[in-house]
Protein backbone atom coordinates (compact mmCIF):
# COMPACT_ATOMS: atom_id res chain seq x y z
CA MET A 1 -20.49 12.17 -2.33
CA THR A 2 -16.91 9.56 -2.93
CA PHE A 3 -13.47 10.43 -3.75
CA LYS A 4 -10.77 8.10 -4.29
CA GLY A 5 -7.21 8.87 -2.70
CA VAL A 6 -4.35 7.83 -1.45
CA ILE A 7 -1.55 8.58 1.36
CA LYS A 8 1.30 10.16 1.19
CA ASN A 9 3.67 10.69 3.64
CA GLY A 10 0.87 10.17 6.59
CA VAL A 11 -1.00 12.96 4.05
CA VAL A 12 -4.41 11.77 2.22
CA VAL A 13 -3.82 13.05 -1.42
CA LEU A 14 -6.89 13.30 -3.52
CA SER A 15 -6.95 12.89 -6.79
CA ASP A 16 -6.39 16.18 -9.12
CA GLU A 17 -9.85 17.19 -10.02
CA VAL A 18 -10.95 16.76 -6.55
CA LYS A 19 -10.81 20.88 -5.19
CA LEU A 20 -12.27 20.71 -1.83
CA PRO A 21 -12.03 24.36 0.21
CA ASP A 22 -9.49 24.35 3.65
CA GLY A 23 -11.20 23.61 6.56
CA VAL A 24 -13.69 21.18 5.25
CA GLU A 25 -14.63 18.00 7.28
CA VAL A 26 -14.44 14.67 5.75
CA GLU A 27 -14.31 10.97 6.65
CA VAL A 28 -12.19 8.60 5.70
CA ARG A 29 -12.71 5.20 5.43
CA PHE A 30 -9.83 2.39 4.83
CA ARG A 31 -10.34 0.39 2.01
CA ARG A 32 -8.04 -3.07 2.26
CA PRO A 33 -6.92 -4.55 -0.69
CA SER A 34 -8.28 -6.96 -2.72
CA LYS A 35 -7.16 -10.38 -4.43
CA ARG A 36 -7.30 -8.07 -7.50
CA ASP A 37 -5.00 -5.61 -5.75
CA TRP A 38 -2.36 -8.50 -4.80
CA GLU A 39 -2.44 -10.19 -8.33
CA LYS A 40 -1.81 -6.26 -9.95
CA PHE A 41 0.98 -6.27 -7.69
CA MET A 42 2.83 -9.04 -7.74
CA THR A 43 2.65 -8.98 -11.59
CA ASN A 44 4.34 -5.67 -11.27
CA CYS A 45 7.02 -7.33 -9.18
CA VAL A 46 8.25 -9.85 -11.78
CA GLY A 47 11.58 -9.25 -12.92
CA ILE A 48 12.47 -6.81 -10.62
CA GLY A 49 15.44 -9.41 -9.10
CA ASP A 50 16.57 -10.36 -12.75
CA ASP A 51 19.87 -8.45 -12.01
CA ASP A 52 20.65 -8.94 -8.72
CA PRO A 53 21.40 -12.71 -7.47
CA ASP A 54 20.90 -12.07 -3.63
CA VAL A 55 17.19 -10.86 -4.53
CA SER A 56 16.28 -13.64 -7.01
CA ARG A 57 17.85 -16.45 -4.56
CA ASN A 58 16.03 -14.80 -1.73
CA HIS A 59 12.84 -13.19 -2.69
CA HIS A 60 11.01 -15.10 -0.49
CA ARG A 61 12.72 -13.96 2.49
CA TYR A 62 11.97 -10.53 1.74
CA PHE A 63 8.43 -11.28 1.01
CA ALA A 64 8.35 -13.09 4.35
CA ASN A 65 10.02 -9.67 6.09
CA VAL A 66 7.52 -7.64 4.13
CA VAL A 67 4.60 -9.48 5.44
CA ARG A 68 5.84 -10.16 9.23
CA GLY A 69 6.33 -6.36 9.40
CA HIS A 70 2.62 -5.45 7.81
CA VAL A 71 0.81 -7.90 10.96
CA THR A 72 3.12 -6.21 13.64
CA ALA A 73 2.19 -3.04 12.27
CA LYS A 74 -1.52 -4.21 12.49
CA LYS A 75 -1.17 -6.05 15.86
CA LYS A 76 0.10 -2.58 17.75
CA ARG A 77 -2.39 -0.19 16.10
CA SER A 78 -5.10 -2.85 17.24
CA GLN A 79 -4.18 -2.57 20.91
């Protein structure tokens, strides 16, 4: 069986309709974001900085910092 869920505060949270008994053993497989996931994310970001001139001017720096943080965390996990 396959169920979908998300990580919240370090805990796997399955969709509401899934009810598993306590103590059941599970296997978790990480799914990398697809290009479609990134397109959806970026579409939701459009207009976020409209009310904040700093975000509008420096959005590239904010995204670069997020990517840099992701790469650093990935390197630490693989060590």
